[in-house]
Amino acid sequence: MNLHVINAGFFKLDGGAMFGVVPKSIWTRTNPADSNNLIDLAMRCLLIEDGDRLILIDNGIGNKQDEKFLGHYYLHGDDSLEKSLGKLGVGFDQVTDMFLSHLHFDHCGGSIKKTGDKLELTFPKARYWSNRDHWKWATAPNPREKASFLKENILPIEESGHLQFAEVGKPSPFSSFDITYVSGHTDKMMLPKIRYKDKVICYMADLVPTVGHIPLPYVMGYDTRPLITMEEKKAFLDEAADNGYVLFFEHDPVNECCTVKHTEKGVRLDRTFPLKEIL
């Protein structure tokens, strides 16, 4: 099995929204803001090469939205999904499985492309993976999350016949990773726990978006159930510290991976490093 970091570019979000009740004077130490209070965030995906399967985890915002929409998020950087896959010699039609941690637009927008007026699968031969609970949550969204669940990113997947569901409470459909389900950020977000050599690499999605979010109270204003997020973070980070898990960050603009450790103040950062250090 081989793992490959897939960088889909950078975008910006409001720093206060990303850190909730934590004061700006504290969160800017790890995530500096620009003059508009916006912080840089990565869209860092992961490609798992496992036998004859090429499994892509998340795919960024994509590029089919209009300029007004994309202008809200200040997409920048030289990386894109297509470029990053192309550097590995991987075409969109070679991806066998598109695993979606959840269906917020910055995680699944690259699932669908626009050709003229037609919406099509970006990965035409892939199975697209969600779970029934989250799919229902996303296709009948609550008012708080409605702006994050864009029907043009979601409904064409089902219409194509390529939609598959992982089953909550049952074994993962993938031999290379288990799935942890968490519901503080959004209902039944899926976190892959990848077994690689003698390590477990955890794709953190939006449970812990950046290194700066490791302390328990550092919870996003975007989370629908922040108290549940804190419970889920505590359980996950305690397990990670106990077992030496590697945390892989989707949104940290600088740090790809870290380990964590127990301290008198709770679980805290141990060290950061690029994924290639352990490959």
Protein backbone atom coordinates (compact mmCIF):
# COMPACT_ATOMS: atom_id res chain seq x y z
CA MET A 1 0.00 0.00 0.00
CA ASN A 2 1.18 3.53 -0.84
CA LEU A 3 -0.06 6.89 0.42
CA HIS A 4 0.14 10.17 -1.48
CA VAL A 5 -0.65 13.71 -0.31
CA ILE A 6 -2.97 15.43 -2.80
CA ASN A 7 -2.99 19.21 -2.46
CA ALA A 8 -6.11 20.82 -3.92
CA GLY A 9 -5.12 24.43 -3.14
CA PHE A 10 -5.79 26.93 -0.38
CA PHE A 11 -8.75 29.05 0.64
CA LYS A 12 -9.63 31.49 3.41
CA LEU A 13 -12.28 31.55 6.14
CA ASP A 14 -13.01 33.89 9.01
CA GLY A 15 -10.62 33.13 11.88
CA GLY A 16 -13.23 33.84 14.54
CA ALA A 17 -15.64 31.37 12.95
CA MET A 18 -12.87 28.78 12.79
CA PHE A 19 -12.10 29.09 16.53
CA GLY A 20 -15.48 29.86 18.10
CA VAL A 21 -15.21 31.28 21.61
CA VAL A 22 -11.39 31.31 21.68
CA PRO A 23 -10.08 34.93 21.67
CA LYS A 24 -8.29 36.19 18.59
CA SER A 25 -5.25 37.10 20.68
CA ILE A 26 -4.80 33.37 21.35
CA TRP A 27 -5.71 31.68 18.05
CA THR A 28 -3.57 34.04 15.96
CA ARG A 29 -0.49 32.50 17.58
CA THR A 30 -1.00 29.40 15.47
CA ASN A 31 -3.23 30.72 12.67
CA PRO A 32 -2.36 34.34 11.80
CA ALA A 33 -5.12 36.43 10.24
CA ASP A 34 -5.01 38.99 7.43
CA SER A 35 -6.50 42.48 7.62
CA ASN A 36 -9.97 41.05 6.99
CA ASN A 37 -9.66 38.55 9.87
CA LEU A 38 -9.33 35.69 7.36
CA ILE A 39 -6.96 32.76 7.87
CA ASP A 40 -5.35 30.49 5.29
CA LEU A 41 -6.62 26.92 5.13
CA ALA A 42 -5.44 24.00 3.04
CA MET A 43 -7.54 21.53 1.10
CA ARG A 44 -5.24 18.56 1.66
CA CYS A 45 -6.59 15.26 0.39
CA LEU A 46 -5.10 11.78 0.56
CA LEU A 47 -4.74 9.12 -2.13
CA ILE A 48 -4.47 5.51 -1.01
CA GLU A 49 -2.98 3.09 -3.52
CA ASP A 50 -4.06 -0.35 -2.33
CA GLY A 51 -3.63 -3.17 -4.82
CA ASP A 52 -5.88 -2.40 -7.79
CA ARG A 53 -7.78 0.30 -5.89
CA LEU A 54 -7.03 4.03 -5.96
CA ILE A 55 -8.99 5.56 -3.08
CA LEU A 56 -9.16 9.35 -2.87
CA ILE A 57 -10.24 10.89 0.43
CA ASP A 58 -12.02 14.24 -0.12
CA ASN A 59 -11.44 16.52 -3.11
CA GLY A 60 -11.66 20.21 -2.14
CA ILE A 61 -13.96 22.94 -3.44
CA GLY A 62 -13.58 22.23 -7.15
CA ASN A 63 -13.85 24.92 -9.81
CA LYS A 64 -17.37 24.75 -11.19
CA GLN A 65 -18.88 27.46 -8.95
CA ASP A 66 -19.28 30.98 -10.30
CA GLU A 67 -16.84 33.80 -9.57
CA LYS A 68 -19.12 35.36 -6.96
CA PHE A 69 -19.20 32.16 -4.90
CA LEU A 70 -15.49 31.44 -5.23
CA GLY A 71 -14.72 35.10 -4.43
CA HIS A 72 -16.06 34.59 -0.90
CA TYR A 73 -13.34 32.01 -0.20
CA TYR A 74 -10.26 33.55 -1.83
CA LEU A 75 -8.92 30.42 -3.51
CA HIS A 76 -5.17 30.75 -3.99
CA GLY A 77 -1.95 28.82 -4.51
CA ASP A 78 -0.53 26.87 -7.43
CA ASP A 79 -1.94 23.47 -6.45
CA SER A 80 -5.10 21.90 -7.79
CA LEU A 81 -6.68 18.47 -7.62
CA GLU A 82 -5.90 17.76 -11.28
CA LYS A 83 -2.28 18.97 -11.02
CA SER A 84 -1.56 17.00 -7.87
CA LEU A 85 -2.98 13.78 -9.27
CA GLY A 86 -1.23 14.45 -12.58
CA LYS A 87 2.17 14.64 -10.85
CA LEU A 88 1.59 11.02 -9.84
CA GLY A 89 0.49 10.05 -13.33
CA VAL A 90 -3.08 9.50 -12.11
CA GLY A 91 -6.01 10.57 -14.26
CA PHE A 92 -9.52 11.21 -12.98
CA ASP A 93 -10.71 8.04 -14.71
CA GLN A 94 -8.24 5.91 -12.74
CA VAL A 95 -9.68 6.69 -9.30
CA THR A 96 -11.73 3.67 -8.23
CA ASP A 97 -13.19 5.02 -4.96
CA MET A 98 -14.06 8.59 -3.96
CA PHE A 99 -14.41 8.60 -0.17
CA LEU A 100 -16.16 11.69 1.19
CA SER A 101 -15.59 12.45 4.87
CA HIS A 102 -18.68 14.64 4.70
CA LEU A 103 -20.57 16.68 2.13
CA HIS A 104 -19.66 20.27 2.99
CA PHE A 105 -18.61 22.07 -0.19
CA ASP A 106 -14.91 22.40 0.72
CA HIS A 107 -14.64 18.62 1.07
CA CYS A 108 -16.75 17.35 -1.84
CA GLY A 109 -16.95 20.18 -4.39
CA GLY A 110 -14.44 18.47 -6.65
CA SER A 111 -16.72 15.43 -6.95
CA ILE A 112 -18.67 17.01 -9.80
CA LYS A 113 -17.45 18.99 -12.79
CA LYS A 114 -19.36 21.21 -15.18
CA THR A 115 -19.15 20.63 -18.92
CA GLY A 116 -21.13 23.35 -20.61
CA ASP A 117 -24.42 23.33 -18.74
CA LYS A 118 -24.08 19.68 -17.77
CA LEU A 119 -22.97 18.40 -14.36
CA GLU A 120 -20.88 15.22 -14.55
CA LEU A 121 -18.84 13.02 -12.26
CA THR A 122 -15.24 14.19 -12.06
CA PHE A 123 -14.22 10.57 -11.43
CA PRO A 124 -16.37 8.69 -13.96
CA LYS A 125 -15.37 5.16 -12.94
CA ALA A 126 -15.30 5.67 -9.18
CA ARG A 127 -17.69 4.56 -6.48
CA TYR A 128 -18.59 7.56 -4.32
CA TRP A 129 -18.79 6.75 -0.60
CA SER A 130 -20.92 8.41 2.07
CA ASN A 131 -23.26 6.91 4.71
CA ARG A 132 -27.04 6.88 4.90
CA ASP A 133 -27.35 9.09 7.97
CA HIS A 134 -25.08 11.80 6.64
CA TRP A 135 -26.60 11.62 3.15
CA LYS A 136 -30.05 12.19 4.61
CA TRP A 137 -28.70 15.04 6.76
CA ALA A 138 -27.07 16.70 3.72
CA THR A 139 -29.95 16.33 1.27
CA ALA A 140 -32.53 17.73 3.71
CA PRO A 141 -30.26 20.30 5.38
CA ASN A 142 -30.99 22.34 8.47
CA PRO A 143 -30.92 26.15 8.04
CA ARG A 144 -27.56 26.44 9.80
CA GLU A 145 -25.74 24.16 7.35
CA LYS A 146 -27.78 24.74 4.21
CA ALA A 147 -25.17 27.04 2.66
CA SER A 148 -22.52 24.32 3.04
CA PHE A 149 -24.53 21.51 1.42
CA LEU A 150 -24.76 22.49 -2.26
CA LYS A 151 -27.14 20.31 -4.25
CA GLU A 152 -24.95 20.55 -7.37
CA ASN A 153 -22.14 18.84 -5.42
CA ILE A 154 -24.35 16.10 -4.04
CA LEU A 155 -27.40 15.11 -6.07
CA PRO A 156 -25.55 14.22 -9.32
CA ILE A 157 -23.68 11.52 -7.39
CA GLU A 158 -26.90 9.69 -6.61
CA GLU A 159 -28.34 10.33 -10.07
CA SER A 160 -25.24 8.76 -11.65
CA GLY A 161 -25.80 5.45 -9.86
CA HIS A 162 -22.28 5.59 -8.40
CA LEU A 163 -23.32 6.29 -4.80
CA GLN A 164 -22.31 3.73 -2.17
CA PHE A 165 -22.90 3.75 1.58
CA ALA A 166 -20.59 2.68 4.37
CA GLU A 167 -22.69 1.23 7.18
CA VAL A 168 -22.47 2.79 10.63
CA GLY A 169 -21.71 0.12 13.22
CA LYS A 170 -20.49 -2.38 10.64
CA PRO A 171 -16.98 -3.16 9.37
CA SER A 172 -15.41 -0.74 6.91
CA PRO A 173 -15.84 -1.65 3.24
CA PHE A 174 -12.10 -0.98 2.83
CA SER A 175 -9.34 -3.36 3.85
CA SER A 176 -6.86 -0.49 4.29
CA PHE A 177 -8.72 1.55 6.90
CA ASP A 178 -11.36 1.56 9.59
CA ILE A 179 -13.88 4.40 9.93
CA THR A 180 -14.68 6.47 13.01
CA TYR A 181 -18.03 8.28 12.89
CA VAL A 182 -18.39 11.61 14.67
CA SER A 183 -21.39 13.94 14.83
CA GLY A 184 -20.33 17.17 16.53
CA HIS A 185 -19.32 19.04 13.38
CA THR A 186 -22.04 17.52 11.21
CA ASP A 187 -23.99 14.31 11.47
CA LYS A 188 -21.91 11.13 10.95
CA MET A 189 -18.75 12.64 9.52
CA MET A 190 -16.38 9.79 8.61
CA LEU A 191 -12.73 9.74 9.70
CA PRO A 192 -10.53 7.06 8.09
CA LYS A 193 -8.00 5.38 10.39
CA ILE A 194 -5.45 3.98 7.98
CA ARG A 195 -3.26 1.04 8.93
CA TYR A 196 0.13 1.72 7.36
CA LYS A 197 3.13 -0.46 8.23
CA ASP A 198 3.34 -0.24 12.04
CA LYS A 199 1.37 3.01 12.31
CA VAL A 200 -2.21 4.28 12.32
CA ILE A 201 -2.73 7.45 10.29
CA CYS A 202 -5.94 9.33 11.11
CA TYR A 203 -7.50 11.60 8.50
CA MET A 204 -8.88 14.34 10.74
CA ALA A 205 -11.24 16.19 8.34
CA ASP A 206 -13.07 18.76 10.51
CA LEU A 207 -12.81 17.10 13.92
CA VAL A 208 -9.37 18.72 14.37
CA PRO A 209 -8.89 20.94 11.29
CA THR A 210 -5.44 22.33 12.21
CA VAL A 211 -2.74 21.96 14.86
CA GLY A 212 -4.23 25.03 16.50
CA HIS A 213 -7.48 23.14 17.18
CA ILE A 214 -5.97 20.40 19.37
CA PRO A 215 -6.97 21.87 22.80
CA LEU A 216 -10.51 20.74 23.65
CA PRO A 217 -12.27 24.16 23.84
CA TYR A 218 -10.88 25.19 20.44
CA VAL A 219 -14.03 24.28 18.53
CA MET A 220 -15.26 25.83 15.31
CA GLY A 221 -18.28 28.09 15.22
CA TYR A 222 -19.37 25.99 12.23
CA ASP A 223 -19.92 22.90 14.40
CA THR A 224 -23.58 22.04 14.84
CA ARG A 225 -23.09 20.37 18.25
CA PRO A 226 -19.99 21.91 19.84
CA LEU A 227 -20.31 20.11 23.17
CA ILE A 228 -20.43 16.79 21.36
CA THR A 229 -17.38 17.86 19.34
CA MET A 230 -15.47 18.33 22.59
CA GLU A 231 -16.49 14.89 23.84
CA GLU A 232 -15.49 13.30 20.52
CA LYS A 233 -12.18 15.19 20.42
CA LYS A 234 -11.31 14.11 23.96
CA ALA A 235 -11.98 10.45 23.23
CA PHE A 236 -10.14 10.55 19.91
CA LEU A 237 -7.11 12.51 21.16
CA ASP A 238 -6.76 10.38 24.30
CA GLU A 239 -6.69 7.29 22.08
CA ALA A 240 -4.21 8.96 19.72
CA ALA A 241 -1.87 9.92 22.56
CA ASP A 242 -2.12 6.45 24.13
CA ASN A 243 -1.33 4.67 20.88
CA GLY A 244 0.99 7.03 19.03
CA TYR A 245 -1.41 7.71 16.16
CA VAL A 246 -0.37 10.08 13.38
CA LEU A 247 -2.91 12.85 12.78
CA PHE A 248 -3.19 13.94 9.13
CA PHE A 249 -4.59 17.46 8.75
CA GLU A 250 -6.87 18.41 5.89
CA HIS A 251 -6.95 22.14 6.61
CA ASP A 252 -3.69 23.09 8.33
CA PRO A 253 -1.92 25.42 5.85
CA VAL A 254 1.57 24.47 7.10
CA ASN A 255 1.55 21.15 8.93
CA GLU A 256 0.63 17.88 7.22
CA CYS A 257 0.91 15.59 10.24
CA CYS A 258 1.53 15.50 13.96
CA THR A 259 1.58 13.26 16.98
CA VAL A 260 0.09 14.23 20.33
CA LYS A 261 0.97 13.53 23.95
CA HIS A 262 -0.60 13.66 27.40
CA THR A 263 0.31 16.68 29.54
CA GLU A 264 -0.96 18.22 32.78
CA LYS A 265 -3.17 20.47 30.64
CA GLY A 266 -4.60 17.58 28.66
CA VAL A 267 -3.59 16.23 25.27
CA ARG A 268 -1.28 18.62 23.45
CA LEU A 269 0.91 18.72 20.35
CA ASP A 270 3.96 16.48 20.41
CA ARG A 271 5.65 17.16 17.07
CA THR A 272 4.78 18.03 13.48
CA PHE A 273 6.20 16.52 10.30
CA PRO A 274 5.38 15.87 6.62
CA LEU A 275 3.73 12.58 5.75
CA LYS A 276 6.73 11.55 3.63
CA GLU A 277 8.78 11.23 6.83
CA ILE A 278 6.96 7.99 7.68
CA LEU A 279 6.44 6.59 4.20
